[in-house]
Amino acid sequence: ELSKEEYIRLVKAAEEKQNCRLALILQTICATGIRVSELQFITLETARTGRTVVDCKGKKRTVFLPGALSRALQEYCREHGIKEGVVFRTKNRKPLDRSNIWRDMKGLCSRAGVARCKVFPHNLRHLFARTFYRVEKDIVRLADLLGHSSINTTRIYTIENGRLHRDCLERVQICLMT
């Protein structure tokens, strides 16, 4: 699992490499839980409205963009002369594909001090899900935000690691001893 601290180091490493597009991609995935394949639905128009409708495999869901992210996306578009359409695009104005994003993310690992095995786009989606669940404790809403039709799928994102279970049991044990 990618930690919040590791995520922050990755964003900073991207910014230090003058790769503001990659930094913004990392922030977009982590702030919304969007899949890397769904980044094509992030457009200048959706940045202005603060939401996008993702149509994936016949299922539609609304992805909300936090205010700070919407402003950052609009600023990026202004700075890069994007007047309409997809924000994250190649020089030929086509949406970036998964392989470009993977390669660029892996290029940040050593600079950010993060193990390569932890750095891939879907881990940012997991970080979003774990953080949302930790704050809200609402698995039904999280399933809606992630576009899952089954809460069992969402549970995969919220399963705590063994250390957290052990710490919980220790706290319970302490309560039994007092």
Protein backbone atom coordinates (compact mmCIF):
# COMPACT_ATOMS: atom_id res chain seq x y z
CA GLU A 1 0.00 0.00 0.00
CA LEU A 2 1.10 3.51 -0.78
CA SER A 3 1.10 5.82 2.26
CA LYS A 4 0.00 9.44 2.30
CA GLU A 5 3.59 10.48 2.99
CA GLU A 6 4.86 8.51 -0.01
CA TYR A 7 2.14 10.05 -2.18
CA ILE A 8 3.21 13.55 -1.10
CA ARG A 9 6.84 12.72 -1.91
CA LEU A 10 5.80 11.52 -5.39
CA VAL A 11 3.91 14.75 -6.09
CA LYS A 12 6.86 16.82 -4.89
CA ALA A 13 9.27 14.77 -7.02
CA ALA A 14 7.09 15.39 -10.08
CA GLU A 15 7.03 19.12 -9.34
CA GLU A 16 10.82 19.19 -8.86
CA LYS A 17 11.22 17.51 -12.28
CA GLN A 18 9.12 20.35 -13.73
CA ASN A 19 6.48 17.79 -14.65
CA CYS A 20 3.38 19.67 -13.51
CA ARG A 21 1.17 17.47 -15.71
CA LEU A 22 2.26 14.32 -13.88
CA ALA A 23 1.92 16.02 -10.48
CA LEU A 24 -1.62 17.04 -11.41
CA ILE A 25 -2.45 13.53 -12.66
CA LEU A 26 -1.32 12.08 -9.32
CA GLN A 27 -3.42 14.65 -7.46
CA THR A 28 -6.46 14.07 -9.67
CA ILE A 29 -6.47 10.31 -9.16
CA CYS A 30 -5.83 10.58 -5.43
CA ALA A 31 -8.40 13.36 -4.86
CA THR A 32 -11.22 11.68 -6.77
CA GLY A 33 -10.56 7.93 -6.85
CA ILE A 34 -10.90 8.00 -10.63
CA ARG A 35 -9.33 5.16 -12.61
CA VAL A 36 -6.36 5.99 -14.82
CA SER A 37 -8.40 4.89 -17.85
CA GLU A 38 -11.06 7.44 -16.87
CA LEU A 39 -8.75 10.47 -16.89
CA GLN A 40 -10.02 11.16 -20.42
CA PHE A 41 -13.26 12.36 -18.79
CA ILE A 42 -11.38 15.19 -17.04
CA THR A 43 -11.85 18.13 -19.38
CA LEU A 44 -11.59 21.89 -19.06
CA GLU A 45 -15.37 21.99 -19.02
CA THR A 46 -15.61 19.51 -16.14
CA ALA A 47 -12.91 21.40 -14.25
CA ARG A 48 -15.14 24.47 -14.48
CA THR A 49 -18.26 22.65 -13.25
CA GLY A 50 -16.48 20.58 -10.59
CA ARG A 51 -17.87 17.27 -11.79
CA THR A 52 -17.69 14.82 -14.64
CA VAL A 53 -19.82 11.90 -15.71
CA VAL A 54 -17.76 8.80 -16.31
CA ASP A 55 -19.22 6.27 -18.70
CA CYS A 56 -17.30 3.03 -18.32
CA LYS A 57 -18.48 -0.39 -19.48
CA GLY A 58 -22.09 0.76 -19.72
CA LYS A 59 -22.13 2.14 -16.18
CA LYS A 60 -22.30 5.86 -15.51
CA ARG A 61 -21.27 7.65 -12.36
CA THR A 62 -20.56 11.20 -11.36
CA VAL A 63 -17.03 11.99 -10.22
CA PHE A 64 -16.77 15.16 -8.16
CA LEU A 65 -13.71 17.38 -8.28
CA PRO A 66 -12.75 19.17 -5.05
CA GLY A 67 -12.54 22.95 -5.41
CA ALA A 68 -8.75 23.15 -5.10
CA LEU A 69 -8.36 20.49 -7.78
CA SER A 70 -10.81 22.25 -10.12
CA ARG A 71 -8.84 25.48 -9.76
CA ALA A 72 -5.52 23.70 -10.33
CA LEU A 73 -6.86 22.00 -13.46
CA GLN A 74 -8.15 25.31 -14.84
CA GLU A 75 -4.82 27.01 -14.12
CA TYR A 76 -2.96 24.17 -15.84
CA CYS A 77 -5.20 24.58 -18.90
CA ARG A 78 -4.57 28.34 -18.97
CA GLU A 79 -0.80 27.85 -18.71
CA HIS A 80 -0.77 25.20 -21.47
CA GLY A 81 -3.18 26.85 -23.87
CA ILE A 82 -5.89 24.24 -23.47
CA LYS A 83 -9.10 25.98 -24.52
CA GLU A 84 -11.38 22.92 -24.49
CA GLY A 85 -11.46 19.17 -24.20
CA VAL A 86 -9.31 16.66 -22.40
CA VAL A 87 -6.84 18.09 -19.89
CA PHE A 88 -4.32 15.24 -19.84
CA ARG A 89 -3.29 14.81 -23.46
CA THR A 90 -0.37 14.12 -25.72
CA LYS A 91 1.17 16.69 -28.04
CA ASN A 92 -1.24 15.38 -30.69
CA ARG A 93 -4.17 16.28 -28.40
CA LYS A 94 -5.09 12.64 -27.77
CA PRO A 95 -5.79 11.48 -24.21
CA LEU A 96 -2.74 10.09 -22.42
CA ASP A 97 -2.74 6.36 -22.17
CA ARG A 98 -2.04 4.14 -19.21
CA SER A 99 1.47 3.15 -20.37
CA ASN A 100 2.67 6.77 -20.56
CA ILE A 101 1.41 7.47 -17.06
CA TRP A 102 2.88 4.25 -15.63
CA ARG A 103 6.30 5.00 -17.15
CA ASP A 104 6.31 8.56 -15.86
CA MET A 105 5.23 7.48 -12.38
CA LYS A 106 7.95 4.80 -12.21
CA GLY A 107 10.45 7.51 -13.16
CA LEU A 108 9.71 9.31 -9.89
CA CYS A 109 10.49 6.41 -7.55
CA SER A 110 14.16 6.98 -6.76
CA ARG A 111 13.80 10.76 -6.50
CA ALA A 112 10.79 10.35 -4.17
CA GLY A 113 12.34 7.52 -2.17
CA VAL A 114 9.38 5.21 -2.80
CA ALA A 115 9.69 1.54 -3.70
CA ARG A 116 8.89 0.90 -7.38
CA CYS A 117 6.51 -1.92 -6.46
CA LYS A 118 4.23 0.62 -4.73
CA VAL A 119 4.10 3.13 -7.57
CA PHE A 120 1.30 2.58 -10.05
CA PRO A 121 -1.90 4.54 -10.72
CA HIS A 122 -4.33 2.12 -9.10
CA ASN A 123 -2.51 2.46 -5.77
CA LEU A 124 -3.58 6.13 -5.77
CA ARG A 125 -7.19 4.98 -6.11
CA HIS A 126 -6.64 2.65 -3.15
CA LEU A 127 -5.17 5.53 -1.11
CA PHE A 128 -8.24 7.64 -1.91
CA ALA A 129 -10.56 4.79 -0.86
CA ARG A 130 -8.71 4.04 2.39
CA THR A 131 -8.59 7.71 3.31
CA PHE A 132 -12.27 8.28 2.50
CA TYR A 133 -13.29 5.24 4.53
CA ARG A 134 -11.06 6.18 7.46
CA VAL A 135 -12.69 9.64 7.60
CA GLU A 136 -16.30 8.84 6.69
CA LYS A 137 -16.77 5.15 7.63
CA ASP A 138 -19.40 4.95 4.88
CA ILE A 139 -18.73 1.99 2.60
CA VAL A 140 -21.97 2.46 0.64
CA ARG A 141 -21.09 6.03 -0.38
CA LEU A 142 -17.51 4.93 -1.12
CA ALA A 143 -18.84 2.18 -3.41
CA ASP A 144 -20.88 4.82 -5.25
CA LEU A 145 -17.88 7.14 -5.59
CA LEU A 146 -15.68 4.34 -6.92
CA GLY A 147 -18.34 3.06 -9.30
CA HIS A 148 -18.64 -0.37 -7.71
CA SER A 149 -21.93 -2.23 -8.06
CA SER A 150 -21.01 -4.51 -5.14
CA ILE A 151 -19.88 -3.49 -1.69
CA ASN A 152 -17.81 -6.68 -1.63
CA THR A 153 -15.59 -5.13 -4.29
CA THR A 154 -15.27 -1.96 -2.21
CA ARG A 155 -14.28 -3.98 0.87
CA ILE A 156 -11.04 -4.91 -0.89
CA TYR A 157 -10.06 -1.24 -0.73
CA THR A 158 -10.88 -0.87 2.96
CA ILE A 159 -9.35 -4.02 4.43
CA GLU A 160 -6.87 -2.98 7.06
CA ASN A 161 -3.45 -4.55 7.26
CA GLY A 162 -2.44 -6.93 10.05
CA ARG A 163 -0.64 -4.28 12.10
CA LEU A 164 -3.84 -2.26 12.47
CA HIS A 165 -5.79 -5.35 13.53
CA ARG A 166 -3.13 -6.22 16.10
CA ASP A 167 -3.13 -2.66 17.51
CA CYS A 168 -6.92 -2.78 17.77
CA LEU A 169 -6.78 -6.07 19.65
CA GLU A 170 -4.15 -4.64 22.01
CA ARG A 171 -6.44 -1.70 22.80
CA VAL A 172 -9.31 -4.09 23.49
CA GLN A 173 -7.05 -6.20 25.70
CA ILE A 174 -6.06 -3.11 27.67
CA CYS A 175 -9.74 -2.34 28.22
CA LEU A 176 -10.31 -5.85 29.54
CA MET A 177 -7.46 -5.53 32.03
CA THR A 178 -8.68 -2.31 33.63
